[in-house]
Amino acid sequence: MEFIDLIPNICEGFPFNKGDLVLLNFWGDDEDLTIINLISEELSKKGVFSFKHQCSNYFFEKIVLNSICNNQSFSQEYLEHLSLFKNVIDVFMYTPNLPNGISESEIPKFKEFLAGLFNSLTKDKKYYIQLTVPTESNARNLGLDYNVYNSSLCNALSVDFPSLKKDCKDKVESLKHINNITIKTGKEHLLKLNISGRKWFVDDGCGDFPPGEVYIAPIENNSKGELLIPAINLNKKTYENVLLTFENGILTKSSSKEIDVFLHSLPEKFKILCEFGIGLNPQIKKLIGFTPIDEKALGTYHIAIGMNHFFGGENNCPFHMDFVFTCDDIAFG
């Protein structure tokens, strides 16, 4: 199964309607333009018109760096033009990073431009969708075996979208009056969450691909107890069977010395339990240690620490870290 063959199915999952205008922002080079052209073609079959914008390596290395070298201010009109689009799909053939040939003195201005670009693409949108293509470059950047990454991601993207959308809707309907969640992991570890007054959100093709989860922001200062996580990947190293302890909504300690060192380096707002999610994608057959795919797998759950102000919470910070797990028992009440 190849990604390019899945483009019609992927586009079936997008939430756009006839007459919508969508910005396709393409992080890729000229040799990969077939990908973005096929997405544009499939969208047009649904009556959706797309505007293509390319962020190639050439663009950053030659055009953006030339502007920096000439001490030229970046055009606000250019960024404002991108910000006008209310529907954006970011398609990643590679992970944005510093361009080849950049000097130390040029890095601050380049980061300033990149921040402005991301802000224009993400702020105040009706739909902002991220679609990462399973390339060797992306696999290498994530520290994953390419064949495993490609197979897992393509399987996830082959999901039956009408069925997934129904499953997500039904799950939210069944949970909409729930106020509390109690999670049991291992033989005796309990974690209690309060979600009173908070809204469930759905990712069934309208967020970060692959799709397949419903999620909510628990009350920030009310989570307490322990949760056993089967595997945590940190700095390309895997730590198994890690026990996390929460007090008053804060992740206070773990059973791993290395992860404890990492946690103690974080500001307190970064350690707030900010999310609880339920995976619903039946096409993800095996966890590969990559959270954006693993957390969507049917039969899994996940929590996160850090930012949640984008989905109904109150914690605004530039950090979000997920932990995927299965559990022996979970009670909604």
C-alpha atoms as a PDB file:
ATOM      1  CA  MET A   1       0.000   0.000   0.000  1.00  0.00           C
ATOM      2  CA  GLU A   2       1.428   3.374  -1.053  1.00  0.00           C
ATOM      3  CA  PHE A   3       0.517   6.820   0.224  1.00  0.00           C
ATOM      4  CA  ILE A   4      -0.171   8.181  -3.253  1.00  0.00           C
ATOM      5  CA  ASP A   5      -2.828   5.513  -3.844  1.00  0.00           C
ATOM      6  CA  LEU A   6      -4.608   6.580  -0.639  1.00  0.00           C
ATOM      7  CA  ILE A   7      -5.066  10.225  -1.640  1.00  0.00           C
ATOM      8  CA  PRO A   8      -8.688   9.725  -2.841  1.00  0.00           C
ATOM      9  CA  ASN A   9      -9.596   8.094   0.495  1.00  0.00           C
ATOM     10  CA  ILE A  10      -7.752  10.769   2.488  1.00  0.00           C
ATOM     11  CA  CYS A  11      -9.632  13.515   0.661  1.00  0.00           C
ATOM     12  CA  GLU A  12     -12.876  11.685   1.402  1.00  0.00           C
ATOM     13  CA  GLY A  13     -12.101  12.233   5.065  1.00  0.00           C
ATOM     14  CA  PHE A  14     -11.586  16.003   4.844  1.00  0.00           C
ATOM     15  CA  PRO A  15     -14.482  18.035   6.317  1.00  0.00           C
ATOM     16  CA  PHE A  16     -14.865  20.483   3.418  1.00  0.00           C
ATOM     17  CA  ASN A  17     -18.041  21.113   1.444  1.00  0.00           C
ATOM     18  CA  LYS A  18     -18.803  22.179  -2.094  1.00  0.00           C
ATOM     19  CA  GLY A  19     -17.796  25.816  -2.590  1.00  0.00           C
ATOM     20  CA  ASP A  20     -15.165  25.871   0.161  1.00  0.00           C
ATOM     21  CA  LEU A  21     -11.759  27.440  -0.480  1.00  0.00           C
ATOM     22  CA  VAL A  22      -8.730  25.619   0.982  1.00  0.00           C
ATOM     23  CA  LEU A  23      -5.068  26.625   1.217  1.00  0.00           C
ATOM     24  CA  LEU A  24      -2.800  23.656   0.479  1.00  0.00           C
ATOM     25  CA  ASN A  25       0.516  24.541   2.095  1.00  0.00           C
ATOM     26  CA  PHE A  26       3.144  22.133   0.771  1.00  0.00           C
ATOM     27  CA  TRP A  27       6.388  21.465   2.626  1.00  0.00           C
ATOM     28  CA  GLY A  28       8.066  19.710  -0.288  1.00  0.00           C
ATOM     29  CA  ASP A  29      10.281  20.113  -3.342  1.00  0.00           C
ATOM     30  CA  ASP A  30       9.427  20.186  -7.034  1.00  0.00           C
ATOM     31  CA  GLU A  31       9.949  16.446  -7.549  1.00  0.00           C
ATOM     32  CA  ASP A  32       7.104  15.802  -5.098  1.00  0.00           C
ATOM     33  CA  LEU A  33       4.517  18.150  -6.607  1.00  0.00           C
ATOM     34  CA  THR A  34       2.479  15.183  -7.855  1.00  0.00           C
ATOM     35  CA  ILE A  35       1.313  14.671  -4.270  1.00  0.00           C
ATOM     36  CA  ILE A  36      -0.138  18.147  -3.865  1.00  0.00           C
ATOM     37  CA  ASN A  37      -1.560  18.182  -7.393  1.00  0.00           C
ATOM     38  CA  LEU A  38      -3.439  14.940  -6.784  1.00  0.00           C
ATOM     39  CA  ILE A  39      -4.855  16.281  -3.505  1.00  0.00           C
ATOM     40  CA  SER A  40      -5.995  19.407  -5.346  1.00  0.00           C
ATOM     41  CA  GLU A  41      -7.564  17.278  -8.087  1.00  0.00           C
ATOM     42  CA  GLU A  42      -9.469  15.088  -5.624  1.00  0.00           C
ATOM     43  CA  LEU A  43     -10.757  18.116  -3.727  1.00  0.00           C
ATOM     44  CA  SER A  44     -11.999  19.640  -6.987  1.00  0.00           C
ATOM     45  CA  LYS A  45     -14.126  16.523  -7.581  1.00  0.00           C
ATOM     46  CA  LYS A  46     -16.003  17.467  -4.394  1.00  0.00           C
ATOM     47  CA  GLY A  47     -16.452  21.057  -5.583  1.00  0.00           C
ATOM     48  CA  VAL A  48     -13.716  22.342  -3.272  1.00  0.00           C
ATOM     49  CA  PHE A  49     -11.314  24.884  -4.770  1.00  0.00           C
ATOM     50  CA  SER A  50      -7.723  24.857  -3.541  1.00  0.00           C
ATOM     51  CA  PHE A  51      -4.932  27.432  -3.587  1.00  0.00           C
ATOM     52  CA  LYS A  52      -1.416  25.949  -3.541  1.00  0.00           C
ATOM     53  CA  HIS A  53       1.527  27.469  -1.667  1.00  0.00           C
ATOM     54  CA  GLN A  54       4.922  25.740  -1.699  1.00  0.00           C
ATOM     55  CA  CYS A  55       7.513  25.845   1.081  1.00  0.00           C
ATOM     56  CA  SER A  56      10.351  24.031  -0.667  1.00  0.00           C
ATOM     57  CA  ASN A  57      13.917  23.739   0.574  1.00  0.00           C
ATOM     58  CA  TYR A  58      14.890  25.909  -2.401  1.00  0.00           C
ATOM     59  CA  PHE A  59      12.453  28.609  -1.239  1.00  0.00           C
ATOM     60  CA  PHE A  60      14.055  28.767   2.211  1.00  0.00           C
ATOM     61  CA  GLU A  61      17.690  28.359   1.110  1.00  0.00           C
ATOM     62  CA  LYS A  62      17.613  30.844  -1.771  1.00  0.00           C
ATOM     63  CA  ILE A  63      14.719  33.255  -1.378  1.00  0.00           C
ATOM     64  CA  VAL A  64      14.246  33.590   2.382  1.00  0.00           C
ATOM     65  CA  LEU A  65      17.991  33.567   3.137  1.00  0.00           C
ATOM     66  CA  ASN A  66      18.653  36.090   0.339  1.00  0.00           C
ATOM     67  CA  SER A  67      16.135  38.423   1.959  1.00  0.00           C
ATOM     68  CA  ILE A  68      17.877  38.009   5.313  1.00  0.00           C
ATOM     69  CA  CYS A  69      21.302  38.657   3.751  1.00  0.00           C
ATOM     70  CA  ASN A  70      19.969  41.854   2.187  1.00  0.00           C
ATOM     71  CA  ASN A  71      18.608  43.001   5.564  1.00  0.00           C
ATOM     72  CA  GLN A  72      15.193  43.046   3.960  1.00  0.00           C
ATOM     73  CA  SER A  73      12.096  43.034   6.133  1.00  0.00           C
ATOM     74  CA  PHE A  74       9.624  40.293   5.359  1.00  0.00           C
ATOM     75  CA  SER A  75       6.476  41.473   3.665  1.00  0.00           C
ATOM     76  CA  GLN A  76       3.593  41.605   6.108  1.00  0.00           C
ATOM     77  CA  GLU A  77       1.281  41.674   3.097  1.00  0.00           C
ATOM     78  CA  TYR A  78       2.578  38.208   2.147  1.00  0.00           C
ATOM     79  CA  LEU A  79       1.826  36.791   5.601  1.00  0.00           C
ATOM     80  CA  GLU A  80      -1.518  38.594   5.775  1.00  0.00           C
ATOM     81  CA  HIS A  81      -2.465  37.045   2.428  1.00  0.00           C
ATOM     82  CA  LEU A  82      -1.888  33.547   3.834  1.00  0.00           C
ATOM     83  CA  SER A  83      -3.767  34.378   7.021  1.00  0.00           C
ATOM     84  CA  LEU A  84      -6.945  35.165   5.041  1.00  0.00           C
ATOM     85  CA  PHE A  85      -7.589  31.482   4.343  1.00  0.00           C
ATOM     86  CA  LYS A  86      -9.958  29.944   6.879  1.00  0.00           C
ATOM     87  CA  ASN A  87      -9.261  26.364   5.785  1.00  0.00           C
ATOM     88  CA  VAL A  88      -5.649  25.144   5.677  1.00  0.00           C
ATOM     89  CA  ILE A  89      -4.055  21.761   4.991  1.00  0.00           C
ATOM     90  CA  ASP A  90      -0.348  21.576   5.855  1.00  0.00           C
ATOM     91  CA  VAL A  91       1.221  18.735   3.848  1.00  0.00           C
ATOM     92  CA  PHE A  92       4.662  17.692   5.109  1.00  0.00           C
ATOM     93  CA  MET A  93       7.137  15.844   2.872  1.00  0.00           C
ATOM     94  CA  TYR A  94       9.838  16.866   5.346  1.00  0.00           C
ATOM     95  CA  THR A  95      10.050  18.365   8.827  1.00  0.00           C
ATOM     96  CA  PRO A  96      10.679  22.139   8.791  1.00  0.00           C
ATOM     97  CA  ASN A  97      14.176  22.934  10.064  1.00  0.00           C
ATOM     98  CA  LEU A  98      17.067  25.316   9.527  1.00  0.00           C
ATOM     99  CA  PRO A  99      18.029  25.557   5.833  1.00  0.00           C
ATOM    100  CA  ASN A 100      21.433  24.542   4.501  1.00  0.00           C
ATOM    101  CA  GLY A 101      23.960  27.368   4.443  1.00  0.00           C
ATOM    102  CA  ILE A 102      22.409  29.472   7.194  1.00  0.00           C
ATOM    103  CA  SER A 103      24.859  31.295   9.476  1.00  0.00           C
ATOM    104  CA  GLU A 104      24.543  31.736  13.234  1.00  0.00           C
ATOM    105  CA  SER A 105      23.766  35.429  12.798  1.00  0.00           C
ATOM    106  CA  GLU A 106      20.926  34.647  10.373  1.00  0.00           C
ATOM    107  CA  ILE A 107      19.155  32.107  12.587  1.00  0.00           C
ATOM    108  CA  PRO A 108      17.146  34.600  14.741  1.00  0.00           C
ATOM    109  CA  LYS A 109      15.663  36.329  11.681  1.00  0.00           C
ATOM    110  CA  PHE A 110      14.907  33.020  10.016  1.00  0.00           C
ATOM    111  CA  LYS A 111      13.098  31.777  13.129  1.00  0.00           C
ATOM    112  CA  GLU A 112      11.171  35.045  13.224  1.00  0.00           C
ATOM    113  CA  PHE A 113      10.014  34.480   9.637  1.00  0.00           C
ATOM    114  CA  LEU A 114       9.103  30.843  10.327  1.00  0.00           C
ATOM    115  CA  ALA A 115       7.090  31.833  13.408  1.00  0.00           C
ATOM    116  CA  GLY A 116       5.208  34.423  11.364  1.00  0.00           C
ATOM    117  CA  LEU A 117       4.533  31.851   8.663  1.00  0.00           C
ATOM    118  CA  PHE A 118       3.191  29.268  11.124  1.00  0.00           C
ATOM    119  CA  ASN A 119       1.039  31.906  12.798  1.00  0.00           C
ATOM    120  CA  SER A 120      -0.489  32.871   9.439  1.00  0.00           C
ATOM    121  CA  LEU A 121      -1.242  29.239   8.659  1.00  0.00           C
ATOM    122  CA  THR A 122      -2.704  28.211  12.028  1.00  0.00           C
ATOM    123  CA  LYS A 123      -4.350  31.146  13.810  1.00  0.00           C
ATOM    124  CA  ASP A 124      -8.109  31.720  13.712  1.00  0.00           C
ATOM    125  CA  LYS A 125      -8.918  28.940  11.249  1.00  0.00           C
ATOM    126  CA  LYS A 126     -12.158  27.053  10.761  1.00  0.00           C
ATOM    127  CA  TYR A 127     -10.090  23.961   9.943  1.00  0.00           C
ATOM    128  CA  TYR A 128      -6.344  23.518  10.284  1.00  0.00           C
ATOM    129  CA  ILE A 129      -5.277  20.040   9.166  1.00  0.00           C
ATOM    130  CA  GLN A 130      -1.800  18.480   9.283  1.00  0.00           C
ATOM    131  CA  LEU A 131      -1.037  15.673   6.837  1.00  0.00           C
ATOM    132  CA  THR A 132       2.421  14.124   7.150  1.00  0.00           C
ATOM    133  CA  VAL A 133       3.539  11.985   4.213  1.00  0.00           C
ATOM    134  CA  PRO A 134       5.472   8.795   5.129  1.00  0.00           C
ATOM    135  CA  THR A 135       8.769   9.741   3.492  1.00  0.00           C
ATOM    136  CA  GLU A 136      12.208   8.412   4.384  1.00  0.00           C
ATOM    137  CA  SER A 137      13.127  11.927   5.527  1.00  0.00           C
ATOM    138  CA  ASN A 138      10.226  12.070   7.993  1.00  0.00           C
ATOM    139  CA  ALA A 139      10.945   8.547   9.261  1.00  0.00           C
ATOM    140  CA  ARG A 140      14.612   9.387   9.787  1.00  0.00           C
ATOM    141  CA  ASN A 141      13.755  12.604  11.632  1.00  0.00           C
ATOM    142  CA  LEU A 142      11.438  10.645  13.949  1.00  0.00           C
ATOM    143  CA  GLY A 143      13.993   7.909  14.551  1.00  0.00           C
ATOM    144  CA  LEU A 144      11.665   5.284  13.046  1.00  0.00           C
ATOM    145  CA  ASP A 145      12.303   2.455  10.611  1.00  0.00           C
ATOM    146  CA  TYR A 146      10.901   3.656   7.288  1.00  0.00           C
ATOM    147  CA  ASN A 147       9.109   0.424   6.392  1.00  0.00           C
ATOM    148  CA  VAL A 148       7.407   0.227   9.792  1.00  0.00           C
ATOM    149  CA  TYR A 149       6.446   3.913   9.687  1.00  0.00           C
ATOM    150  CA  ASN A 150       5.154   3.750   6.111  1.00  0.00           C
ATOM    151  CA  SER A 151       3.125   0.597   6.712  1.00  0.00           C
ATOM    152  CA  SER A 152       1.566   1.823   9.959  1.00  0.00           C
ATOM    153  CA  LEU A 153       0.682   5.284   8.640  1.00  0.00           C
ATOM    154  CA  CYS A 154      -0.732   3.996   5.343  1.00  0.00           C
ATOM    155  CA  ASN A 155      -2.835   1.412   7.190  1.00  0.00           C
ATOM    156  CA  ALA A 156      -4.225   4.155   9.418  1.00  0.00           C
ATOM    157  CA  LEU A 157      -5.026   6.354   6.411  1.00  0.00           C
ATOM    158  CA  SER A 158      -6.906   3.532   4.688  1.00  0.00           C
ATOM    159  CA  VAL A 159      -9.668   3.693   7.308  1.00  0.00           C
ATOM    160  CA  ASP A 160     -13.313   3.746   6.201  1.00  0.00           C
ATOM    161  CA  PHE A 161     -14.045   7.415   6.895  1.00  0.00           C
ATOM    162  CA  PRO A 162     -17.870   7.291   6.970  1.00  0.00           C
ATOM    163  CA  SER A 163     -17.680   4.468   9.519  1.00  0.00           C
ATOM    164  CA  LEU A 164     -15.007   6.265  11.571  1.00  0.00           C
ATOM    165  CA  LYS A 165     -17.001   9.486  11.632  1.00  0.00           C
ATOM    166  CA  LYS A 166     -20.060   7.593  12.870  1.00  0.00           C
ATOM    167  CA  ASP A 167     -18.040   5.796  15.565  1.00  0.00           C
ATOM    168  CA  CYS A 168     -16.596   9.098  16.801  1.00  0.00           C
ATOM    169  CA  LYS A 169     -20.019  10.744  16.859  1.00  0.00           C
ATOM    170  CA  ASP A 170     -21.562   7.810  18.720  1.00  0.00           C
ATOM    171  CA  LYS A 171     -18.739   7.765  21.273  1.00  0.00           C
ATOM    172  CA  VAL A 172     -19.152  11.459  22.072  1.00  0.00           C
ATOM    173  CA  GLU A 173     -22.923  11.017  22.321  1.00  0.00           C
ATOM    174  CA  SER A 174     -22.443   8.237  24.867  1.00  0.00           C
ATOM    175  CA  LEU A 175     -20.089  10.358  26.990  1.00  0.00           C
ATOM    176  CA  LYS A 176     -21.651  13.825  26.808  1.00  0.00           C
ATOM    177  CA  HIS A 177     -23.193  13.690  30.297  1.00  0.00           C
ATOM    178  CA  ILE A 178     -20.126  12.210  32.008  1.00  0.00           C
ATOM    179  CA  ASN A 179     -18.463  14.241  34.799  1.00  0.00           C
ATOM    180  CA  ASN A 180     -15.755  11.910  36.106  1.00  0.00           C
ATOM    181  CA  ILE A 181     -13.357   9.296  34.742  1.00  0.00           C
ATOM    182  CA  THR A 182     -11.542   6.679  36.832  1.00  0.00           C
ATOM    183  CA  ILE A 183      -8.751   4.739  35.131  1.00  0.00           C
ATOM    184  CA  LYS A 184      -7.258   1.534  36.521  1.00  0.00           C
ATOM    185  CA  THR A 185      -3.885   0.353  35.221  1.00  0.00           C
ATOM    186  CA  GLY A 186      -1.897  -2.554  36.552  1.00  0.00           C
ATOM    187  CA  LYS A 187      -3.361  -4.254  39.613  1.00  0.00           C
ATOM    188  CA  GLU A 188      -3.860  -1.228  41.849  1.00  0.00           C
ATOM    189  CA  HIS A 189      -3.048   2.089  40.157  1.00  0.00           C
ATOM    190  CA  LEU A 190      -5.981   4.510  39.891  1.00  0.00           C
ATOM    191  CA  LEU A 191      -6.103   7.901  38.195  1.00  0.00           C
ATOM    192  CA  LYS A 192      -9.184  10.086  38.660  1.00  0.00           C
ATOM    193  CA  LEU A 193     -10.131  12.909  36.284  1.00  0.00           C
ATOM    194  CA  ASN A 194     -12.839  15.556  36.568  1.00  0.00           C
ATOM    195  CA  ILE A 195     -14.297  16.674  33.206  1.00  0.00           C
ATOM    196  CA  SER A 196     -17.356  18.544  34.514  1.00  0.00           C
ATOM    197  CA  GLY A 197     -18.534  21.204  32.093  1.00  0.00           C
ATOM    198  CA  ARG A 198     -15.895  20.395  29.482  1.00  0.00           C
ATOM    199  CA  LYS A 199     -16.674  19.581  25.832  1.00  0.00           C
ATOM    200  CA  TRP A 200     -15.584  16.494  23.907  1.00  0.00           C
ATOM    201  CA  PHE A 201     -13.746  17.117  20.625  1.00  0.00           C
ATOM    202  CA  VAL A 202     -13.563  14.819  17.600  1.00  0.00           C
ATOM    203  CA  ASP A 203     -10.652  14.146  15.246  1.00  0.00           C
ATOM    204  CA  ASP A 204     -12.238  12.145  12.420  1.00  0.00           C
ATOM    205  CA  GLY A 205     -10.434  13.856   9.540  1.00  0.00           C
ATOM    206  CA  CYS A 206     -10.508  17.480  10.652  1.00  0.00           C
ATOM    207  CA  GLY A 207      -7.220  17.687  12.577  1.00  0.00           C
ATOM    208  CA  ASP A 208      -3.947  15.824  12.698  1.00  0.00           C
ATOM    209  CA  PHE A 209      -3.771  12.870  10.285  1.00  0.00           C
ATOM    210  CA  PRO A 210      -4.044   9.951  10.772  1.00  0.00           C
ATOM    211  CA  PRO A 211      -7.493  10.499  12.265  1.00  0.00           C
ATOM    212  CA  GLY A 212      -9.420   8.542  14.848  1.00  0.00           C
ATOM    213  CA  GLU A 213      -9.918   9.907  18.359  1.00  0.00           C
ATOM    214  CA  VAL A 214     -12.245  11.783  20.663  1.00  0.00           C
ATOM    215  CA  TYR A 215     -10.666  13.879  23.405  1.00  0.00           C
ATOM    216  CA  ILE A 216     -11.393  16.318  26.199  1.00  0.00           C
ATOM    217  CA  ALA A 217      -9.588  18.737  28.521  1.00  0.00           C
ATOM    218  CA  PRO A 218      -9.989  17.644  32.192  1.00  0.00           C
ATOM    219  CA  ILE A 219     -10.281  20.281  34.913  1.00  0.00           C
ATOM    220  CA  GLU A 220      -6.677  21.384  35.303  1.00  0.00           C
ATOM    221  CA  ASN A 221      -6.264  21.254  39.097  1.00  0.00           C
ATOM    222  CA  ASN A 222      -8.402  18.209  39.824  1.00  0.00           C
ATOM    223  CA  SER A 223      -6.600  15.138  38.457  1.00  0.00           C
ATOM    224  CA  LYS A 224      -5.037  12.857  41.033  1.00  0.00           C
ATOM    225  CA  GLY A 225      -3.625   9.360  41.345  1.00  0.00           C
ATOM    226  CA  GLU A 226      -1.294   7.060  39.436  1.00  0.00           C
ATOM    227  CA  LEU A 227      -1.165   5.802  35.854  1.00  0.00           C
ATOM    228  CA  LEU A 228       1.024   3.005  34.495  1.00  0.00           C
ATOM    229  CA  ILE A 229       2.318   3.729  30.972  1.00  0.00           C
ATOM    230  CA  PRO A 230       3.669   0.687  29.077  1.00  0.00           C
ATOM    231  CA  ALA A 231       6.210   2.671  27.064  1.00  0.00           C
ATOM    232  CA  ILE A 232       7.433   6.279  26.973  1.00  0.00           C
ATOM    233  CA  ASN A 233       9.750   7.436  24.213  1.00  0.00           C
ATOM    234  CA  LEU A 234      12.007  10.317  25.195  1.00  0.00           C
ATOM    235  CA  ASN A 235      15.053  11.529  23.262  1.00  0.00           C
ATOM    236  CA  LYS A 236      14.868   8.441  21.019  1.00  0.00           C
ATOM    237  CA  LYS A 237      15.073   6.112  24.041  1.00  0.00           C
ATOM    238  CA  THR A 238      12.215   3.884  25.277  1.00  0.00           C
ATOM    239  CA  TYR A 239      11.338   3.536  28.969  1.00  0.00           C
ATOM    240  CA  GLU A 240       9.004   0.654  29.816  1.00  0.00           C
ATOM    241  CA  ASN A 241       6.279   0.356  32.475  1.00  0.00           C
ATOM    242  CA  VAL A 242       6.631   3.884  33.827  1.00  0.00           C
ATOM    243  CA  LEU A 243       4.400   4.869  36.740  1.00  0.00           C
ATOM    244  CA  LEU A 244       3.259   8.511  36.649  1.00  0.00           C
ATOM    245  CA  THR A 245       1.957  10.234  39.768  1.00  0.00           C
ATOM    246  CA  PHE A 246      -0.421  13.233  39.658  1.00  0.00           C
ATOM    247  CA  GLU A 247      -1.371  15.574  42.484  1.00  0.00           C
ATOM    248  CA  ASN A 248      -3.794  18.494  42.065  1.00  0.00           C
ATOM    249  CA  GLY A 249      -3.556  18.102  38.290  1.00  0.00           C
ATOM    250  CA  ILE A 250       0.257  18.222  38.197  1.00  0.00           C
ATOM    251  CA  LEU A 251       2.568  15.392  37.124  1.00  0.00           C
ATOM    252  CA  THR A 252       4.788  15.352  40.203  1.00  0.00           C
ATOM    253  CA  LYS A 253       6.974  12.288  39.681  1.00  0.00           C
ATOM    254  CA  SER A 254       7.609   9.107  37.734  1.00  0.00           C
ATOM    255  CA  SER A 255       9.175   5.734  38.492  1.00  0.00           C
ATOM    256  CA  SER A 256      11.982   6.439  35.981  1.00  0.00           C
ATOM    257  CA  LYS A 257      14.970   8.497  37.133  1.00  0.00           C
ATOM    258  CA  GLU A 258      15.678   9.727  33.595  1.00  0.00           C
ATOM    259  CA  ILE A 259      12.089  10.859  33.045  1.00  0.00           C
ATOM    260  CA  ASP A 260      12.071  12.486  36.494  1.00  0.00           C
ATOM    261  CA  VAL A 261      15.094  14.562  35.482  1.00  0.00           C
ATOM    262  CA  PHE A 262      13.227  15.634  32.349  1.00  0.00           C
ATOM    263  CA  LEU A 263      10.079  16.490  34.335  1.00  0.00           C
ATOM    264  CA  HIS A 264      11.976  18.581  36.879  1.00  0.00           C
ATOM    265  CA  SER A 265      13.388  20.633  33.986  1.00  0.00           C
ATOM    266  CA  LEU A 266       9.885  21.657  32.905  1.00  0.00           C
ATOM    267  CA  PRO A 267       7.938  24.713  34.096  1.00  0.00           C
ATOM    268  CA  GLU A 268       4.884  23.837  36.176  1.00  0.00           C
ATOM    269  CA  LYS A 269       2.400  24.746  33.398  1.00  0.00           C
ATOM    270  CA  PHE A 270       4.077  22.158  31.156  1.00  0.00           C
ATOM    271  CA  LYS A 271       3.282  19.418  33.709  1.00  0.00           C
ATOM    272  CA  ILE A 272      -0.477  20.008  33.987  1.00  0.00           C
ATOM    273  CA  LEU A 273      -2.618  17.039  32.946  1.00  0.00           C
ATOM    274  CA  CYS A 274      -4.352  18.660  30.012  1.00  0.00           C
ATOM    275  CA  GLU A 275      -6.018  15.939  27.927  1.00  0.00           C
ATOM    276  CA  PHE A 276      -7.751  12.583  27.998  1.00  0.00           C
ATOM    277  CA  GLY A 277      -8.355  10.822  24.683  1.00  0.00           C
ATOM    278  CA  ILE A 278      -9.836   7.616  23.288  1.00  0.00           C
ATOM    279  CA  GLY A 279      -8.432   5.967  20.143  1.00  0.00           C
ATOM    280  CA  LEU A 280     -10.983   4.723  17.586  1.00  0.00           C
ATOM    281  CA  ASN A 281      -9.083   3.912  14.363  1.00  0.00           C
ATOM    282  CA  PRO A 282      -9.435   0.143  13.713  1.00  0.00           C
ATOM    283  CA  GLN A 283      -6.808   0.161  10.948  1.00  0.00           C
ATOM    284  CA  ILE A 284      -3.922   0.709  13.382  1.00  0.00           C
ATOM    285  CA  LYS A 285      -3.044  -2.867  14.209  1.00  0.00           C
ATOM    286  CA  LYS A 286       0.213  -2.406  16.140  1.00  0.00           C
ATOM    287  CA  LEU A 287       1.756   0.320  18.292  1.00  0.00           C
ATOM    288  CA  ILE A 288       5.094   1.501  16.885  1.00  0.00           C
ATOM    289  CA  GLY A 289       6.230   3.938  19.584  1.00  0.00           C
ATOM    290  CA  PHE A 290       5.132   7.024  17.649  1.00  0.00           C
ATOM    291  CA  THR A 291       2.400   8.807  19.591  1.00  0.00           C
ATOM    292  CA  PRO A 292       0.576  10.648  16.738  1.00  0.00           C
ATOM    293  CA  ILE A 293      -0.245   7.235  15.247  1.00  0.00           C
ATOM    294  CA  ASP A 294      -0.436   5.089  18.400  1.00  0.00           C
ATOM    295  CA  GLU A 295      -2.911   7.370  20.187  1.00  0.00           C
ATOM    296  CA  LYS A 296      -5.473   6.852  17.404  1.00  0.00           C
ATOM    297  CA  ALA A 297      -5.459   3.038  17.670  1.00  0.00           C
ATOM    298  CA  LEU A 298      -8.780   1.429  18.590  1.00  0.00           C
ATOM    299  CA  GLY A 299      -8.588   0.094  22.146  1.00  0.00           C
ATOM    300  CA  THR A 300      -6.043   2.612  23.385  1.00  0.00           C
ATOM    301  CA  TYR A 301      -6.383   5.659  25.593  1.00  0.00           C
ATOM    302  CA  HIS A 302      -4.034   8.568  26.136  1.00  0.00           C
ATOM    303  CA  ILE A 303      -3.435  11.484  28.422  1.00  0.00           C
ATOM    304  CA  ALA A 304      -1.251  14.502  27.839  1.00  0.00           C
ATOM    305  CA  ILE A 305       0.484  17.205  29.815  1.00  0.00           C
ATOM    306  CA  GLY A 306       0.831  20.832  28.774  1.00  0.00           C
ATOM    307  CA  MET A 307      -1.268  22.927  26.406  1.00  0.00           C
ATOM    308  CA  ASN A 308      -5.054  22.536  26.124  1.00  0.00           C
ATOM    309  CA  HIS A 309      -6.426  26.030  25.481  1.00  0.00           C
ATOM    310  CA  PHE A 310      -7.124  25.095  21.838  1.00  0.00           C
ATOM    311  CA  PHE A 311      -9.684  22.473  22.900  1.00  0.00           C
ATOM    312  CA  GLY A 312     -11.657  23.860  25.784  1.00  0.00           C
ATOM    313  CA  GLY A 313      -9.022  24.037  28.518  1.00  0.00           C
ATOM    314  CA  GLU A 314      -7.364  26.914  30.364  1.00  0.00           C
ATOM    315  CA  ASN A 315      -3.661  26.016  30.118  1.00  0.00           C
ATOM    316  CA  ASN A 316      -1.904  28.129  27.489  1.00  0.00           C
ATOM    317  CA  CYS A 317       1.723  27.062  27.054  1.00  0.00           C
ATOM    318  CA  PRO A 318       4.021  26.041  24.152  1.00  0.00           C
ATOM    319  CA  PHE A 319       4.236  22.365  25.102  1.00  0.00           C
ATOM    320  CA  HIS A 320       2.145  19.210  24.670  1.00  0.00           C
ATOM    321  CA  MET A 321       3.281  15.631  25.402  1.00  0.00           C
ATOM    322  CA  ASP A 322       1.070  12.549  25.064  1.00  0.00           C
ATOM    323  CA  PHE A 323       1.237   9.188  26.846  1.00  0.00           C
ATOM    324  CA  VAL A 324      -0.540   6.197  25.263  1.00  0.00           C
ATOM    325  CA  PHE A 325      -1.806   3.260  27.329  1.00  0.00           C
ATOM    326  CA  THR A 326      -4.305   0.449  27.584  1.00  0.00           C
ATOM    327  CA  CYS A 327      -6.082  -0.197  30.865  1.00  0.00           C
ATOM    328  CA  ASP A 328      -7.554  -3.000  32.900  1.00  0.00           C
ATOM    329  CA  ASP A 329     -10.654  -1.027  33.737  1.00  0.00           C
ATOM    330  CA  ILE A 330     -12.099   2.411  33.093  1.00  0.00           C
ATOM    331  CA  ALA A 331     -15.238   3.890  34.661  1.00  0.00           C
ATOM    332  CA  PHE A 332     -17.227   6.873  33.388  1.00  0.00           C
ATOM    333  CA  GLY A 333     -19.640   8.481  35.789  1.00  0.00           C
END
